[in-house]
N, C-alpha and C. Protein backbone atom coordinates (compact mmCIF):
# COMPACT_ATOMS: atom_id res chain seq x y z
N UNK A 1 7.11 2.37 -30.10
CA UNK A 1 6.01 3.01 -29.42
C UNK A 1 6.37 3.17 -27.93
N UNK A 2 6.20 4.36 -27.41
CA UNK A 2 6.51 4.64 -26.01
C UNK A 2 5.54 3.91 -25.09
N UNK A 3 6.04 3.48 -23.93
CA UNK A 3 5.19 2.80 -22.98
C UNK A 3 4.23 3.76 -22.27
N UNK A 4 4.65 5.02 -22.13
CA UNK A 4 3.78 6.01 -21.51
C UNK A 4 4.19 7.39 -21.97
N UNK A 5 3.38 8.36 -21.65
CA UNK A 5 3.66 9.73 -22.03
C UNK A 5 4.70 10.36 -21.12
N UNK A 6 5.34 11.42 -21.63
CA UNK A 6 6.28 12.22 -20.84
C UNK A 6 5.50 13.42 -20.31
N UNK A 7 5.34 13.47 -18.99
CA UNK A 7 4.60 14.57 -18.37
C UNK A 7 5.52 15.51 -17.60
N UNK A 8 6.84 15.40 -17.83
CA UNK A 8 7.81 16.17 -17.07
C UNK A 8 7.63 17.68 -17.23
N UNK A 9 7.04 18.11 -18.33
CA UNK A 9 6.84 19.55 -18.55
C UNK A 9 5.37 19.92 -18.56
N UNK A 10 4.54 19.06 -17.99
CA UNK A 10 3.11 19.35 -17.91
C UNK A 10 2.86 20.55 -17.01
N UNK A 11 1.92 21.37 -17.38
CA UNK A 11 1.56 22.52 -16.55
C UNK A 11 0.90 22.06 -15.25
N UNK A 12 0.18 20.95 -15.32
CA UNK A 12 -0.51 20.43 -14.16
C UNK A 12 0.49 19.73 -13.22
N UNK A 13 0.55 20.11 -11.93
CA UNK A 13 1.49 19.47 -11.01
C UNK A 13 1.20 17.99 -10.78
N UNK A 14 -0.05 17.56 -10.95
CA UNK A 14 -0.37 16.13 -10.82
C UNK A 14 0.35 15.36 -11.93
N UNK A 15 0.31 15.87 -13.15
CA UNK A 15 0.99 15.22 -14.26
C UNK A 15 2.50 15.14 -14.04
N UNK A 16 3.10 16.26 -13.58
CA UNK A 16 4.54 16.25 -13.32
C UNK A 16 4.88 15.27 -12.20
N UNK A 17 4.04 15.20 -11.18
CA UNK A 17 4.27 14.26 -10.07
C UNK A 17 4.22 12.83 -10.57
N UNK A 18 3.22 12.53 -11.41
CA UNK A 18 3.09 11.18 -11.94
C UNK A 18 4.22 10.82 -12.88
N UNK A 19 4.85 11.81 -13.48
CA UNK A 19 6.01 11.54 -14.33
C UNK A 19 7.13 10.92 -13.49
N UNK A 20 7.23 11.33 -12.24
CA UNK A 20 8.26 10.80 -11.32
C UNK A 20 7.75 9.58 -10.56
N UNK A 21 6.50 9.62 -10.08
CA UNK A 21 5.98 8.63 -9.15
C UNK A 21 5.03 7.61 -9.76
N UNK A 22 4.77 7.70 -11.06
CA UNK A 22 3.74 6.88 -11.69
C UNK A 22 4.04 5.40 -11.80
N UNK A 23 5.28 5.00 -11.63
CA UNK A 23 5.66 3.59 -11.66
C UNK A 23 5.49 3.03 -10.25
N UNK A 24 4.68 1.98 -10.05
CA UNK A 24 4.46 1.44 -8.71
C UNK A 24 5.74 1.07 -7.97
N UNK A 25 6.79 0.66 -8.69
CA UNK A 25 8.04 0.31 -8.03
C UNK A 25 8.61 1.49 -7.27
N UNK A 26 8.40 2.70 -7.76
CA UNK A 26 8.98 3.89 -7.12
C UNK A 26 8.48 4.02 -5.69
N UNK A 27 7.18 3.96 -5.48
CA UNK A 27 6.65 4.11 -4.12
C UNK A 27 7.01 2.92 -3.24
N UNK A 28 7.09 1.73 -3.80
CA UNK A 28 7.50 0.56 -3.02
C UNK A 28 8.97 0.67 -2.60
N UNK A 29 9.82 1.18 -3.47
CA UNK A 29 11.23 1.38 -3.13
C UNK A 29 11.35 2.47 -2.07
N UNK A 30 10.62 3.58 -2.22
CA UNK A 30 10.66 4.63 -1.21
C UNK A 30 10.20 4.07 0.14
N UNK A 31 9.12 3.30 0.14
CA UNK A 31 8.63 2.69 1.38
C UNK A 31 9.75 1.88 2.05
N UNK A 32 10.42 1.03 1.27
CA UNK A 32 11.46 0.17 1.85
C UNK A 32 12.67 0.98 2.32
N UNK A 33 13.06 1.99 1.57
CA UNK A 33 14.20 2.82 1.98
C UNK A 33 13.86 3.57 3.27
N UNK A 34 12.63 4.07 3.39
CA UNK A 34 12.22 4.73 4.63
C UNK A 34 12.17 3.75 5.80
N UNK A 35 12.03 2.46 5.51
CA UNK A 35 12.06 1.43 6.55
C UNK A 35 13.48 0.94 6.82
N UNK A 36 14.47 1.59 6.24
CA UNK A 36 15.87 1.24 6.51
C UNK A 36 16.43 0.15 5.63
N UNK A 37 15.74 -0.16 4.54
CA UNK A 37 16.22 -1.21 3.64
C UNK A 37 16.79 -0.57 2.37
N UNK A 38 17.89 0.17 2.50
CA UNK A 38 18.45 0.89 1.37
C UNK A 38 19.61 0.22 0.67
N UNK A 39 19.95 -0.98 1.08
CA UNK A 39 21.02 -1.72 0.42
C UNK A 39 20.42 -2.49 -0.75
N UNK A 40 21.16 -2.56 -1.85
CA UNK A 40 20.66 -3.16 -3.09
C UNK A 40 20.11 -4.56 -2.85
N UNK A 41 20.91 -5.43 -2.25
CA UNK A 41 20.47 -6.82 -2.04
C UNK A 41 19.26 -6.91 -1.13
N UNK A 42 19.20 -6.04 -0.12
CA UNK A 42 18.06 -6.03 0.79
C UNK A 42 16.80 -5.60 0.06
N UNK A 43 16.92 -4.58 -0.78
CA UNK A 43 15.77 -4.13 -1.58
C UNK A 43 15.31 -5.23 -2.52
N UNK A 44 16.27 -5.86 -3.20
CA UNK A 44 15.93 -6.93 -4.16
C UNK A 44 15.17 -8.05 -3.48
N UNK A 45 15.65 -8.47 -2.31
CA UNK A 45 14.98 -9.55 -1.57
C UNK A 45 13.61 -9.13 -1.06
N UNK A 46 13.54 -7.95 -0.49
CA UNK A 46 12.30 -7.48 0.09
C UNK A 46 11.20 -7.31 -0.96
N UNK A 47 11.58 -6.74 -2.10
CA UNK A 47 10.60 -6.45 -3.15
C UNK A 47 10.40 -7.60 -4.12
N UNK A 48 11.30 -8.58 -4.08
CA UNK A 48 11.26 -9.68 -5.05
C UNK A 48 11.23 -9.13 -6.47
N UNK A 49 12.21 -8.29 -6.75
CA UNK A 49 12.34 -7.58 -8.01
C UNK A 49 13.64 -8.03 -8.68
N UNK A 50 13.67 -8.07 -10.00
CA UNK A 50 14.89 -8.47 -10.69
C UNK A 50 15.97 -7.41 -10.51
N UNK A 51 17.23 -7.84 -10.57
CA UNK A 51 18.35 -6.90 -10.43
C UNK A 51 18.29 -5.82 -11.50
N UNK A 52 17.96 -6.19 -12.73
CA UNK A 52 17.95 -5.22 -13.82
C UNK A 52 16.88 -4.16 -13.61
N UNK A 53 15.68 -4.58 -13.22
CA UNK A 53 14.60 -3.63 -12.98
C UNK A 53 14.94 -2.73 -11.80
N UNK A 54 15.44 -3.31 -10.72
CA UNK A 54 15.79 -2.52 -9.54
C UNK A 54 16.89 -1.52 -9.88
N UNK A 55 17.89 -1.95 -10.59
CA UNK A 55 19.00 -1.07 -10.96
C UNK A 55 18.50 0.13 -11.77
N UNK A 56 17.63 -0.12 -12.75
CA UNK A 56 17.07 0.98 -13.56
C UNK A 56 16.25 1.94 -12.70
N UNK A 57 15.41 1.38 -11.82
CA UNK A 57 14.56 2.23 -10.98
C UNK A 57 15.41 3.07 -10.03
N UNK A 58 16.41 2.46 -9.40
CA UNK A 58 17.27 3.21 -8.48
C UNK A 58 17.99 4.34 -9.20
N UNK A 59 18.49 4.05 -10.39
CA UNK A 59 19.17 5.08 -11.18
C UNK A 59 18.23 6.25 -11.47
N UNK A 60 17.02 5.94 -11.92
CA UNK A 60 16.07 7.01 -12.25
C UNK A 60 15.61 7.76 -11.00
N UNK A 61 15.54 7.08 -9.86
CA UNK A 61 15.12 7.74 -8.62
C UNK A 61 16.21 8.67 -8.09
N UNK A 62 17.48 8.30 -8.29
CA UNK A 62 18.58 9.21 -7.93
C UNK A 62 18.53 10.42 -8.86
N UNK A 63 18.35 10.18 -10.14
CA UNK A 63 18.26 11.28 -11.11
C UNK A 63 17.10 12.23 -10.80
N UNK A 64 15.99 11.67 -10.32
CA UNK A 64 14.80 12.48 -10.01
C UNK A 64 14.90 13.17 -8.65
N UNK A 65 15.95 12.85 -7.88
CA UNK A 65 16.13 13.49 -6.59
C UNK A 65 15.37 12.85 -5.44
N UNK A 66 14.89 11.61 -5.63
CA UNK A 66 14.19 10.90 -4.55
C UNK A 66 15.14 10.15 -3.63
N UNK A 67 16.24 9.68 -4.18
CA UNK A 67 17.22 8.91 -3.42
C UNK A 67 18.60 9.51 -3.62
N UNK A 68 19.47 9.26 -2.64
CA UNK A 68 20.87 9.63 -2.78
C UNK A 68 21.71 8.40 -2.47
N UNK A 69 22.84 8.29 -3.16
CA UNK A 69 23.75 7.19 -2.90
C UNK A 69 24.54 7.50 -1.62
N UNK A 70 24.70 6.48 -0.78
CA UNK A 70 25.40 6.64 0.49
C UNK A 70 26.37 5.49 0.65
N UNK A 71 27.62 5.81 0.99
CA UNK A 71 28.62 4.78 1.22
C UNK A 71 28.38 4.09 2.56
N UNK A 72 28.66 2.77 2.60
CA UNK A 72 28.64 2.03 3.86
C UNK A 72 29.72 0.95 3.79
N UNK A 73 30.15 0.49 4.95
CA UNK A 73 31.19 -0.53 5.03
C UNK A 73 30.56 -1.91 5.08
N UNK A 74 31.05 -2.80 4.24
CA UNK A 74 30.65 -4.20 4.24
C UNK A 74 31.92 -5.00 4.48
N UNK A 75 32.24 -5.17 5.76
CA UNK A 75 33.53 -5.75 6.10
C UNK A 75 34.61 -4.72 5.78
N UNK A 76 35.59 -5.12 4.99
CA UNK A 76 36.66 -4.20 4.61
C UNK A 76 36.33 -3.43 3.33
N UNK A 77 35.21 -3.75 2.73
CA UNK A 77 34.84 -3.17 1.43
C UNK A 77 33.84 -2.03 1.61
N UNK A 78 34.04 -0.94 0.89
CA UNK A 78 33.08 0.16 0.88
C UNK A 78 32.10 -0.07 -0.26
N UNK A 79 30.82 -0.03 0.08
CA UNK A 79 29.77 -0.24 -0.92
C UNK A 79 28.83 0.95 -0.89
N UNK A 80 27.93 1.01 -1.87
CA UNK A 80 26.95 2.10 -1.90
C UNK A 80 25.55 1.56 -1.71
N UNK A 81 24.80 2.25 -0.87
CA UNK A 81 23.39 1.97 -0.68
C UNK A 81 22.61 3.23 -1.02
N UNK A 82 21.36 3.27 -0.63
CA UNK A 82 20.49 4.38 -0.98
C UNK A 82 19.76 4.88 0.26
N UNK A 83 19.70 6.20 0.36
CA UNK A 83 18.97 6.86 1.45
C UNK A 83 17.93 7.77 0.82
N UNK A 84 16.85 7.97 1.54
CA UNK A 84 15.79 8.87 1.08
C UNK A 84 16.27 10.31 1.15
N UNK A 85 15.88 11.11 0.19
CA UNK A 85 16.10 12.55 0.25
C UNK A 85 14.88 13.17 0.92
N UNK A 86 14.91 14.48 1.12
CA UNK A 86 13.73 15.17 1.66
C UNK A 86 12.53 14.96 0.75
N UNK A 87 12.77 14.92 -0.57
CA UNK A 87 11.67 14.70 -1.52
C UNK A 87 11.00 13.36 -1.28
N UNK A 88 11.79 12.32 -1.00
CA UNK A 88 11.22 11.00 -0.72
C UNK A 88 10.54 10.99 0.65
N UNK A 89 11.16 11.61 1.65
CA UNK A 89 10.56 11.66 2.98
C UNK A 89 9.22 12.40 2.94
N UNK A 90 9.10 13.38 2.04
CA UNK A 90 7.84 14.11 1.89
C UNK A 90 6.72 13.24 1.33
N UNK A 91 7.05 12.04 0.86
CA UNK A 91 6.03 11.11 0.36
C UNK A 91 5.38 10.31 1.49
N UNK A 92 5.87 10.45 2.72
CA UNK A 92 5.30 9.70 3.84
C UNK A 92 3.78 9.83 3.94
N UNK A 93 3.21 11.04 3.88
CA UNK A 93 1.74 11.13 3.97
C UNK A 93 1.03 10.36 2.85
N UNK A 94 1.62 10.34 1.67
CA UNK A 94 1.02 9.63 0.55
C UNK A 94 1.07 8.12 0.81
N UNK A 95 2.23 7.63 1.26
CA UNK A 95 2.37 6.20 1.56
C UNK A 95 1.39 5.78 2.65
N UNK A 96 1.29 6.59 3.69
CA UNK A 96 0.40 6.24 4.79
C UNK A 96 -1.06 6.32 4.36
N UNK A 97 -1.41 7.29 3.53
CA UNK A 97 -2.78 7.39 3.06
C UNK A 97 -3.10 6.23 2.12
N UNK A 98 -2.11 5.78 1.33
CA UNK A 98 -2.32 4.59 0.50
C UNK A 98 -2.59 3.36 1.35
N UNK A 99 -1.88 3.25 2.49
CA UNK A 99 -2.12 2.12 3.40
C UNK A 99 -3.55 2.19 3.96
N UNK A 100 -3.97 3.37 4.38
CA UNK A 100 -5.33 3.55 4.90
C UNK A 100 -6.35 3.20 3.82
N UNK A 101 -6.15 3.72 2.61
CA UNK A 101 -7.06 3.46 1.50
C UNK A 101 -7.09 1.97 1.18
N UNK A 102 -5.92 1.33 1.14
CA UNK A 102 -5.83 -0.10 0.81
C UNK A 102 -6.57 -0.97 1.81
N UNK A 103 -6.49 -0.61 3.09
CA UNK A 103 -7.22 -1.38 4.09
C UNK A 103 -8.72 -1.19 3.97
N UNK A 104 -9.13 -0.02 3.53
CA UNK A 104 -10.56 0.27 3.42
C UNK A 104 -11.18 -0.27 2.14
N UNK A 105 -10.44 -0.22 1.03
CA UNK A 105 -11.04 -0.49 -0.28
C UNK A 105 -10.51 -1.70 -1.02
N UNK A 106 -9.62 -2.47 -0.42
CA UNK A 106 -9.15 -3.68 -1.08
C UNK A 106 -9.40 -4.89 -0.19
N UNK A 107 -9.48 -6.03 -0.80
CA UNK A 107 -9.74 -7.28 -0.08
C UNK A 107 -8.49 -7.70 0.68
N UNK A 108 -8.64 -7.96 1.97
CA UNK A 108 -7.53 -8.43 2.79
C UNK A 108 -7.25 -9.89 2.43
N UNK A 109 -6.01 -10.20 2.00
CA UNK A 109 -5.69 -11.58 1.68
C UNK A 109 -5.61 -12.45 2.93
N UNK A 110 -5.72 -13.74 2.74
CA UNK A 110 -5.58 -14.69 3.84
C UNK A 110 -4.24 -14.47 4.53
N UNK A 111 -4.26 -14.41 5.84
CA UNK A 111 -3.03 -14.19 6.60
C UNK A 111 -2.73 -12.72 6.84
N UNK A 112 -3.51 -11.84 6.24
CA UNK A 112 -3.31 -10.41 6.42
C UNK A 112 -4.01 -9.92 7.68
N UNK A 113 -3.68 -8.73 8.08
CA UNK A 113 -4.30 -8.11 9.25
C UNK A 113 -4.07 -6.61 9.19
N UNK A 114 -4.81 -5.89 9.98
CA UNK A 114 -4.66 -4.44 10.06
C UNK A 114 -3.22 -4.05 10.41
N UNK A 115 -2.67 -3.05 9.71
CA UNK A 115 -1.31 -2.57 9.95
C UNK A 115 -1.37 -1.23 10.69
N UNK A 116 -1.21 -1.25 12.01
CA UNK A 116 -1.20 0.02 12.74
C UNK A 116 0.01 0.87 12.38
N UNK A 117 -0.23 2.16 12.21
CA UNK A 117 0.85 3.12 12.00
C UNK A 117 0.91 3.97 13.27
N UNK A 118 1.98 3.80 14.03
CA UNK A 118 2.10 4.40 15.35
C UNK A 118 2.91 5.69 15.27
N UNK A 119 2.34 6.76 15.80
CA UNK A 119 3.07 8.03 15.93
C UNK A 119 3.87 7.93 17.22
N UNK A 120 5.18 7.80 17.11
CA UNK A 120 6.03 7.55 18.27
C UNK A 120 5.97 8.68 19.30
N UNK A 121 5.75 9.89 18.85
CA UNK A 121 5.73 11.04 19.75
C UNK A 121 4.63 10.93 20.80
N UNK A 122 3.41 10.55 20.37
CA UNK A 122 2.31 10.42 21.32
C UNK A 122 2.02 8.96 21.67
N UNK A 123 2.61 8.02 20.91
CA UNK A 123 2.42 6.61 21.19
C UNK A 123 1.11 6.03 20.69
N UNK A 124 0.36 6.80 19.93
CA UNK A 124 -0.96 6.36 19.48
C UNK A 124 -0.95 6.01 17.99
N UNK A 125 -1.89 5.17 17.61
CA UNK A 125 -2.08 4.84 16.20
C UNK A 125 -2.72 6.03 15.49
N UNK A 126 -2.24 6.33 14.30
CA UNK A 126 -2.85 7.37 13.49
C UNK A 126 -3.63 6.73 12.35
N UNK A 127 -4.71 7.33 11.98
CA UNK A 127 -5.52 6.83 10.87
C UNK A 127 -5.49 7.82 9.71
N UNK A 128 -4.54 8.73 9.75
CA UNK A 128 -4.36 9.72 8.70
C UNK A 128 -2.92 9.71 8.25
N UNK A 129 -2.68 10.27 7.08
CA UNK A 129 -1.34 10.24 6.51
C UNK A 129 -0.44 11.38 6.88
N UNK A 130 -0.99 12.59 7.00
CA UNK A 130 -0.14 13.77 7.17
C UNK A 130 -0.08 14.29 8.60
N UNK A 131 -1.20 14.22 9.31
CA UNK A 131 -1.29 14.75 10.66
C UNK A 131 -1.81 13.63 11.57
N UNK A 132 -1.20 13.48 12.73
CA UNK A 132 -1.62 12.43 13.66
C UNK A 132 -3.08 12.63 14.04
N UNK A 133 -3.87 11.59 13.89
CA UNK A 133 -5.30 11.67 14.21
C UNK A 133 -5.52 11.70 15.72
N UNK A 134 -4.49 11.40 16.52
CA UNK A 134 -4.64 11.44 17.98
C UNK A 134 -4.20 12.78 18.57
N UNK A 135 -2.99 13.27 18.19
CA UNK A 135 -2.47 14.48 18.82
C UNK A 135 -2.44 15.70 17.90
N UNK A 136 -2.66 15.50 16.60
CA UNK A 136 -2.69 16.62 15.67
C UNK A 136 -1.34 17.09 15.16
N UNK A 137 -0.25 16.43 15.57
CA UNK A 137 1.09 16.83 15.14
C UNK A 137 1.33 16.37 13.70
N UNK A 138 2.08 17.17 12.94
CA UNK A 138 2.48 16.79 11.58
C UNK A 138 3.38 15.56 11.68
N UNK A 139 3.13 14.56 10.86
CA UNK A 139 3.86 13.30 10.91
C UNK A 139 5.12 13.37 10.05
N UNK A 140 6.23 12.91 10.61
CA UNK A 140 7.49 12.81 9.88
C UNK A 140 8.00 11.38 10.03
N UNK A 141 8.79 10.93 9.07
CA UNK A 141 9.20 9.53 9.05
C UNK A 141 9.91 9.09 10.32
N UNK A 142 10.79 9.92 10.86
CA UNK A 142 11.55 9.50 12.03
C UNK A 142 10.71 9.39 13.29
N UNK A 143 9.45 9.79 13.24
CA UNK A 143 8.54 9.68 14.39
C UNK A 143 7.44 8.66 14.13
N UNK A 144 7.66 7.73 13.19
CA UNK A 144 6.64 6.75 12.82
C UNK A 144 7.18 5.33 12.93
N UNK A 145 6.31 4.43 13.38
CA UNK A 145 6.58 2.99 13.39
C UNK A 145 5.37 2.31 12.77
N UNK A 146 5.61 1.41 11.83
CA UNK A 146 4.54 0.61 11.25
C UNK A 146 4.61 -0.77 11.88
N UNK A 147 3.49 -1.28 12.34
CA UNK A 147 3.42 -2.62 12.94
C UNK A 147 2.87 -3.56 11.88
N UNK A 148 3.69 -4.51 11.47
CA UNK A 148 3.32 -5.44 10.40
C UNK A 148 2.97 -6.80 11.01
N UNK A 149 1.68 -7.05 11.22
CA UNK A 149 1.26 -8.28 11.91
C UNK A 149 1.56 -9.56 11.14
N UNK A 150 1.75 -9.47 9.85
CA UNK A 150 2.05 -10.66 9.04
C UNK A 150 3.52 -11.03 9.14
N UNK A 151 4.33 -10.22 9.80
CA UNK A 151 5.75 -10.49 9.99
C UNK A 151 6.02 -10.70 11.48
N UNK A 152 5.45 -11.73 12.05
CA UNK A 152 5.58 -11.98 13.48
C UNK A 152 6.92 -12.64 13.76
N UNK A 153 7.65 -12.07 14.73
CA UNK A 153 8.91 -12.64 15.19
C UNK A 153 8.75 -13.03 16.64
N UNK A 154 9.52 -14.01 17.10
CA UNK A 154 9.42 -14.45 18.50
C UNK A 154 9.63 -13.28 19.44
N UNK A 155 8.73 -13.17 20.41
CA UNK A 155 8.86 -12.14 21.43
C UNK A 155 8.46 -10.75 20.96
N UNK A 156 8.04 -10.59 19.73
CA UNK A 156 7.68 -9.28 19.20
C UNK A 156 6.24 -8.93 19.55
N UNK A 157 5.97 -7.66 19.47
CA UNK A 157 4.60 -7.18 19.61
C UNK A 157 4.27 -6.73 21.02
N UNK A 158 3.27 -5.89 21.12
CA UNK A 158 2.75 -5.42 22.39
C UNK A 158 1.31 -5.87 22.47
N UNK A 159 0.71 -5.66 23.61
CA UNK A 159 -0.69 -6.02 23.78
C UNK A 159 -1.52 -5.37 22.68
N UNK A 160 -2.24 -6.16 21.92
CA UNK A 160 -3.08 -5.64 20.84
C UNK A 160 -2.31 -5.28 19.59
N UNK A 161 -0.98 -5.42 19.60
CA UNK A 161 -0.17 -5.06 18.44
C UNK A 161 0.87 -6.14 18.20
N UNK A 162 0.43 -7.29 17.74
CA UNK A 162 1.36 -8.37 17.46
C UNK A 162 1.94 -8.16 16.07
N UNK A 163 3.21 -8.44 15.94
CA UNK A 163 3.86 -8.32 14.65
C UNK A 163 5.17 -7.56 14.78
N UNK A 164 5.88 -7.49 13.68
CA UNK A 164 7.15 -6.80 13.64
C UNK A 164 6.93 -5.29 13.59
N UNK A 165 7.62 -4.59 14.48
CA UNK A 165 7.56 -3.13 14.53
C UNK A 165 8.71 -2.60 13.69
N UNK A 166 8.39 -1.82 12.65
CA UNK A 166 9.42 -1.27 11.78
C UNK A 166 9.44 0.25 11.92
N UNK A 167 10.51 0.75 12.55
CA UNK A 167 10.70 2.18 12.74
C UNK A 167 11.15 2.79 11.43
N UNK A 168 10.51 3.87 11.00
CA UNK A 168 10.89 4.55 9.78
C UNK A 168 12.11 5.44 10.03
N UNK A 169 12.84 5.70 8.98
CA UNK A 169 14.10 6.44 9.06
C UNK A 169 13.94 7.86 8.49
N UNK A 170 14.73 8.80 9.01
CA UNK A 170 14.70 10.15 8.44
C UNK A 170 15.44 10.20 7.11
N UNK A 171 15.23 11.27 6.36
CA UNK A 171 15.96 11.47 5.10
C UNK A 171 17.46 11.42 5.38
N UNK A 172 18.22 10.89 4.41
CA UNK A 172 19.67 10.84 4.52
C UNK A 172 20.22 9.70 5.35
N UNK A 173 19.37 8.79 5.80
CA UNK A 173 19.82 7.70 6.68
C UNK A 173 19.85 6.37 5.95
N UNK A 174 20.96 5.66 6.09
CA UNK A 174 21.09 4.30 5.60
C UNK A 174 21.44 3.44 6.80
N UNK A 175 20.58 2.50 7.12
CA UNK A 175 20.80 1.64 8.29
C UNK A 175 21.60 0.42 7.88
């Protein structure tokens, strides 16, 4: 028995989109890759996901055109990591809107706090996913920083924005 339906040829674009994005791991992996965590071990640690599950998801995401394999040097050894494609970078508004929705409609766990999403171009927090709520500019990953207050590092944070600042990466970038 199949675990889910195949919507790859659905006439409805929502169905076709869910055929690619319907697994929660997909959006979490895209989020991490856009945050510069495109190396296999870094993804595994960050997501606390098994190697087998991560390997399968990465393979299917490359096949679906969300990620591309990118070579990087690890000492004298060349290894492969993953970078977001334009298709994955186009998910930024969805990821940001999910963050906004999650803060509004889910219970904040102990130790949690508001996660500001800063539009680097104008320097202001945006409360929308696609267009900056302060300056009206279309948001792109390379112009966004997410402030994660639950990841406080020594000396990090600005007035009113304590926490680790994670700059998002453009498509095709492996940090």
